[in-house]
C-alpha atoms as a PDB file:
ATOM      1  CA  MET A   1      17.859  -7.830   9.477  1.00  0.00           C
ATOM      2  CA  VAL A   2      19.671  -5.603  12.110  1.00  0.00           C
ATOM      3  CA  ARG A   3      23.197  -6.054  12.090  1.00  0.00           C
ATOM      4  CA  SER A   4      25.624  -4.647  15.014  1.00  0.00           C
ATOM      5  CA  PRO A   5      29.183  -4.080  14.115  1.00  0.00           C
ATOM      6  CA  ASN A   6      31.726  -6.424  15.200  1.00  0.00           C
ATOM      7  CA  ARG A   7      28.479  -8.333  17.083  1.00  0.00           C
ATOM      8  CA  GLU A   8      25.450 -10.339  15.540  1.00  0.00           C
ATOM      9  CA  THR A   9      22.742  -9.762  13.218  1.00  0.00           C
ATOM     10  CA  THR A  10      19.572 -10.921  14.232  1.00  0.00           C
ATOM     11  CA  VAL A  11      16.828 -11.088  11.562  1.00  0.00           C
ATOM     12  CA  THR A  12      13.604  -8.315  11.945  1.00  0.00           C
ATOM     13  CA  ARG A  13      10.166 -10.102  13.583  1.00  0.00           C
ATOM     14  CA  LEU A  14       7.708  -8.452  12.475  1.00  0.00           C
ATOM     15  CA  THR A  15       3.768  -9.087  13.823  1.00  0.00           C
ATOM     16  CA  ALA A  16       0.330  -8.462  12.176  1.00  0.00           C
ATOM     17  CA  GLU A  17       0.467  -5.066  13.379  1.00  0.00           C
ATOM     18  CA  ASP A  18       3.676  -4.285  11.917  1.00  0.00           C
ATOM     19  CA  VAL A  19       2.625  -5.800   8.634  1.00  0.00           C
ATOM     20  CA  ARG A  20      -0.618  -3.870   8.439  1.00  0.00           C
ATOM     21  CA  GLU A  21       1.062  -0.633   9.889  1.00  0.00           C
ATOM     22  CA  ARG A  22       4.235  -0.665   7.046  1.00  0.00           C
ATOM     23  CA  SER A  23       2.293  -2.440   3.806  1.00  0.00           C
ATOM     24  CA  SER A  24      -0.689   0.071   4.472  1.00  0.00           C
ATOM     25  CA  LEU A  25       2.180   3.086   4.376  1.00  0.00           C
ATOM     26  CA  ARG A  26       3.591   1.480   1.136  1.00  0.00           C
ATOM     27  CA  VAL A  27       0.560   1.780  -0.224  1.00  0.00           C
ATOM     28  CA  LEU A  28       0.007   5.353   0.105  1.00  0.00           C
ATOM     29  CA  LEU A  29       4.056   6.057  -0.562  1.00  0.00           C
ATOM     30  CA  GLU A  30       4.743   4.078  -3.316  1.00  0.00           C
ATOM     31  CA  GLY A  31       1.657   5.185  -4.784  1.00  0.00           C
ATOM     32  CA  LEU A  32       2.791   8.526  -4.502  1.00  0.00           C
ATOM     33  CA  ALA A  33       6.236   7.435  -6.234  1.00  0.00           C
ATOM     34  CA  ALA A  34       4.603   5.775  -9.039  1.00  0.00           C
ATOM     35  CA  VAL A  35       2.011   8.493 -10.282  1.00  0.00           C
ATOM     36  CA  GLN A  36       5.466  10.772  -9.969  1.00  0.00           C
ATOM     37  CA  ALA A  37       8.029   8.221 -11.614  1.00  0.00           C
ATOM     38  CA  ALA A  38       5.221   7.897 -14.714  1.00  0.00           C
ATOM     39  CA  GLU A  39       4.998  11.417 -14.664  1.00  0.00           C
ATOM     40  CA  ARG A  40       8.972  11.737 -15.790  1.00  0.00           C
ATOM     41  CA  MET A  41       9.403   8.144 -17.346  1.00  0.00           C
ATOM     42  CA  GLY A  42      10.048   8.311 -21.435  1.00  0.00           C
ATOM     43  CA  GLU A  43      10.441   5.371 -23.434  1.00  0.00           C
ATOM     44  CA  LYS A  44      14.247   4.192 -21.673  1.00  0.00           C
ATOM     45  CA  ASP A  45      12.417   4.261 -18.735  1.00  0.00           C
ATOM     46  CA  PHE A  46       9.947   1.944 -19.544  1.00  0.00           C
ATOM     47  CA  GLU A  47      12.999  -0.054 -21.148  1.00  0.00           C
ATOM     48  CA  GLU A  48      14.422  -0.409 -17.628  1.00  0.00           C
ATOM     49  CA  LEU A  49      11.099  -1.288 -15.569  1.00  0.00           C
ATOM     50  CA  ARG A  50      10.377  -4.102 -19.006  1.00  0.00           C
ATOM     51  CA  ALA A  51      14.110  -5.871 -18.204  1.00  0.00           C
ATOM     52  CA  HIS A  52      13.571  -5.824 -14.884  1.00  0.00           C
ATOM     53  CA  LEU A  53       9.838  -7.447 -15.335  1.00  0.00           C
ATOM     54  CA  ASP A  54      12.072  -9.656 -17.751  1.00  0.00           C
ATOM     55  CA  ALA A  55      14.606 -10.555 -14.751  1.00  0.00           C
ATOM     56  CA  ILE A  56      11.403 -11.622 -12.404  1.00  0.00           C
ATOM     57  CA  HIS A  57      10.277 -13.483 -15.283  1.00  0.00           C
ATOM     58  CA  GLY A  58      13.353 -14.996 -15.554  1.00  0.00           C
ATOM     59  CA  SER A  59      13.883 -16.238 -11.778  1.00  0.00           C
ATOM     60  CA  LEU A  60      10.291 -18.116 -12.449  1.00  0.00           C
ATOM     61  CA  ASP A  61      11.716 -20.225 -14.654  1.00  0.00           C
ATOM     62  CA  LYS A  62      14.591 -20.738 -12.996  1.00  0.00           C
ATOM     63  CA  ASP A  63      12.728 -21.451  -9.984  1.00  0.00           C
ATOM     64  CA  SER A  64      15.145 -19.362  -8.031  1.00  0.00           C
ATOM     65  CA  TYR A  65      13.384 -17.794  -5.205  1.00  0.00           C
ATOM     66  CA  LEU A  66      16.858 -15.724  -4.329  1.00  0.00           C
ATOM     67  CA  ASP A  67      16.817 -14.328  -7.603  1.00  0.00           C
ATOM     68  CA  PHE A  68      13.287 -13.562  -7.655  1.00  0.00           C
ATOM     69  CA  VAL A  69      13.642 -11.884  -4.439  1.00  0.00           C
ATOM     70  CA  ALA A  70      16.433  -9.484  -6.003  1.00  0.00           C
ATOM     71  CA  ALA A  71      14.386  -8.927  -9.319  1.00  0.00           C
ATOM     72  CA  ASP A  72      10.872  -7.814  -7.260  1.00  0.00           C
ATOM     73  CA  LEU A  73      13.229  -5.448  -5.059  1.00  0.00           C
ATOM     74  CA  ASP A  74      14.806  -3.841  -7.747  1.00  0.00           C
ATOM     75  CA  PHE A  75      11.615  -3.186  -9.438  1.00  0.00           C
ATOM     76  CA  HIS A  76      10.315  -1.431  -6.976  1.00  0.00           C
ATOM     77  CA  ARG A  77      13.542   0.312  -6.253  1.00  0.00           C
ATOM     78  CA  ALA A  78      13.706   1.523  -9.822  1.00  0.00           C
ATOM     79  CA  ILE A  79      10.262   2.827  -9.445  1.00  0.00           C
ATOM     80  CA  TRP A  80      10.619   5.043  -6.179  1.00  0.00           C
ATOM     81  CA  ARG A  81      14.167   6.126  -8.081  1.00  0.00           C
ATOM     82  CA  LEU A  82      12.421   7.219 -11.005  1.00  0.00           C
ATOM     83  CA  SER A  83      10.178   9.893  -9.424  1.00  0.00           C
ATOM     84  CA  GLY A  84      12.879  11.902  -8.625  1.00  0.00           C
ATOM     85  CA  ASN A  85      11.758  12.387  -4.869  1.00  0.00           C
ATOM     86  CA  GLN A  86      15.353  11.445  -2.827  1.00  0.00           C
ATOM     87  CA  THR A  87      13.371  11.604   0.394  1.00  0.00           C
ATOM     88  CA  LEU A  88      10.828   9.163  -0.403  1.00  0.00           C
ATOM     89  CA  CYS A  89      13.156   6.703  -2.138  1.00  0.00           C
ATOM     90  CA  LYS A  90      14.659   6.971   1.214  1.00  0.00           C
ATOM     91  CA  VAL A  91      11.315   6.223   3.825  1.00  0.00           C
ATOM     92  CA  LEU A  92      10.384   3.612   0.951  1.00  0.00           C
ATOM     93  CA  GLU A  93      13.377   2.291   1.530  1.00  0.00           C
ATOM     94  CA  LEU A  94      13.202   2.360   5.838  1.00  0.00           C
ATOM     95  CA  ILE A  95       9.198   0.933   5.085  1.00  0.00           C
ATOM     96  CA  THR A  96       9.938  -1.728   2.899  1.00  0.00           C
ATOM     97  CA  VAL A  97      13.540  -3.551   2.837  1.00  0.00           C
ATOM     98  CA  PRO A  98      12.197  -4.907   6.547  1.00  0.00           C
ATOM     99  CA  LEU A  99       9.225  -6.399   4.547  1.00  0.00           C
ATOM    100  CA  PHE A 100      11.153  -7.472   1.678  1.00  0.00           C
ATOM    101  CA  ALA A 101      13.199  -9.634   4.875  1.00  0.00           C
ATOM    102  CA  PHE A 102      10.488 -10.396   6.250  1.00  0.00           C
ATOM    103  CA  LEU A 103       8.555 -11.724   3.639  1.00  0.00           C
ATOM    104  CA  SER A 104      11.429 -13.617   1.883  1.00  0.00           C
ATOM    105  CA  ILE A 105      12.120 -15.790   4.974  1.00  0.00           C
ATOM    106  CA  ARG A 106       8.650 -16.508   5.880  1.00  0.00           C
ATOM    107  CA  ARG A 107       8.092 -17.559   2.256  1.00  0.00           C
ATOM    108  CA  SER A 108      11.452 -19.357   1.412  1.00  0.00           C
ATOM    109  CA  ARG A 109       9.905 -21.520   4.549  1.00  0.00           C
ATOM    110  CA  THR A 110       6.812 -22.683   2.729  1.00  0.00           C
ATOM    111  CA  LEU A 111       6.218 -23.550  -1.236  1.00  0.00           C
ATOM    112  CA  HIS A 112       4.934 -19.893  -2.409  1.00  0.00           C
ATOM    113  CA  ASN A 113       3.680 -19.804  -5.893  1.00  0.00           C
ATOM    114  CA  LEU A 114       6.292 -17.347  -7.487  1.00  0.00           C
ATOM    115  CA  ALA A 115       4.370 -17.609 -11.142  1.00  0.00           C
ATOM    116  CA  ARG A 116       1.083 -15.668  -8.989  1.00  0.00           C
ATOM    117  CA  SER A 117       3.656 -13.754  -7.314  1.00  0.00           C
ATOM    118  CA  VAL A 118       5.259 -12.817 -11.079  1.00  0.00           C
ATOM    119  CA  LYS A 119       2.504 -11.585 -12.895  1.00  0.00           C
ATOM    120  CA  SER A 120       1.190  -8.749 -10.583  1.00  0.00           C
ATOM    121  CA  HIS A 121       3.516  -6.736 -11.087  1.00  0.00           C
ATOM    122  CA  ASP A 122       2.527  -6.804 -14.999  1.00  0.00           C
ATOM    123  CA  PRO A 123      -0.401  -4.514 -14.118  1.00  0.00           C
ATOM    124  CA  ILE A 124       2.163  -2.306 -12.403  1.00  0.00           C
ATOM    125  CA  LEU A 125       3.857  -1.376 -15.810  1.00  0.00           C
ATOM    126  CA  ALA A 126       1.031  -1.201 -17.979  1.00  0.00           C
ATOM    127  CA  ALA A 127      -0.412   1.726 -15.305  1.00  0.00           C
ATOM    128  CA  LEU A 128       2.461   3.157 -15.287  1.00  0.00           C
ATOM    129  CA  ARG A 129       2.479   3.502 -19.345  1.00  0.00           C
ATOM    130  CA  SER A 130      -1.413   4.696 -18.828  1.00  0.00           C
ATOM    131  CA  LYS A 131      -0.125   7.344 -17.126  1.00  0.00           C
ATOM    132  CA  ASP A 132      -3.922   7.359 -15.472  1.00  0.00           C
ATOM    133  CA  GLU A 133      -3.171   8.179 -11.541  1.00  0.00           C
ATOM    134  CA  ALA A 134      -5.908   6.209 -10.845  1.00  0.00           C
ATOM    135  CA  ALA A 135      -4.555   3.685 -12.349  1.00  0.00           C
ATOM    136  CA  ILE A 136      -1.686   3.502 -10.708  1.00  0.00           C
ATOM    137  CA  ARG A 137      -2.444   4.236  -7.618  1.00  0.00           C
ATOM    138  CA  GLU A 138      -5.281   0.617  -7.870  1.00  0.00           C
ATOM    139  CA  ALA A 139      -2.248  -1.070  -9.135  1.00  0.00           C
ATOM    140  CA  ILE A 140       0.262  -0.299  -6.282  1.00  0.00           C
ATOM    141  CA  ARG A 141      -2.677  -0.942  -4.023  1.00  0.00           C
ATOM    142  CA  SER A 142      -3.579  -4.636  -5.542  1.00  0.00           C
ATOM    143  CA  HIS A 143       0.134  -5.390  -5.331  1.00  0.00           C
ATOM    144  CA  ILE A 144       1.163  -4.899  -2.192  1.00  0.00           C
ATOM    145  CA  GLU A 145      -2.192  -6.204  -0.445  1.00  0.00           C
ATOM    146  CA  ASP A 146      -2.306  -8.955  -2.546  1.00  0.00           C
ATOM    147  CA  SER A 147       1.662  -9.620  -1.150  1.00  0.00           C
ATOM    148  CA  TYR A 148       0.992  -8.946   2.803  1.00  0.00           C
ATOM    149  CA  SER A 149      -2.268 -10.002   3.174  1.00  0.00           C
ATOM    150  CA  ARG A 150      -1.901 -13.698   3.141  1.00  0.00           C
ATOM    151  CA  LEU A 151       0.915 -13.331   5.243  1.00  0.00           C
ATOM    152  CA  GLU A 152      -0.766 -11.089   8.054  1.00  0.00           C
ATOM    153  CA  ASP A 153      -2.825 -14.240   8.675  1.00  0.00           C
ATOM    154  CA  SER A 154      -0.022 -16.433  10.078  1.00  0.00           C
ATOM    155  CA  LEU A 155       2.246 -14.148  12.339  1.00  0.00           C
ATOM    156  CA  PRO A 156       1.178 -13.212  16.058  1.00  0.00           C
ATOM    157  CA  LEU A 157      -0.326 -10.089  17.144  1.00  0.00           C
ATOM    158  CA  GLU A 158       2.538  -9.115  19.591  1.00  0.00           C
ATOM    159  CA  ALA A 159       6.237  -9.785  19.075  1.00  0.00           C
ATOM    160  CA  PRO A 160       7.550 -13.201  20.770  1.00  0.00           C
ATOM    161  CA  ALA A 161       9.127 -12.425  24.388  1.00  0.00           C
ATOM    162  CA  ALA A 162      12.466 -12.588  24.381  1.00  0.00           C
ATOM    163  CA  PRO A 163      14.629 -15.254  25.303  1.00  0.00           C
END
């Protein structure tokens, strides 16, 4: 969303190309953040991520899409923060938050399978625990690409013309 103080709020519109560009950058940057986070994480940090996963699973039990989106973003933000790289966190915010907003709006219009989305987070935590760089990058890549691949097919290639 784009907010203009004392004026208006408009919903971000993304084309298939916008989603592809942002999601490919997210794969690279979030993979880096996750690898850096894994190097620094202790048991308390894993417990924090487990709590975020529990919130994601709880949103499924409540069948609450809004709670799911908030818990999902909190989970990813925690990984970014745990990387210890503030610049990387800021860049991921700029790239990812519009994707989350756009995807949330699109999914809320259809009956999206929340159970599939919830399960896709568990391999990330397992990979982080392993501290295996290749496994971490693969878990992040798989999660992100799965999240956006079905969406891209339904989007226009170019932004719609302004009214």
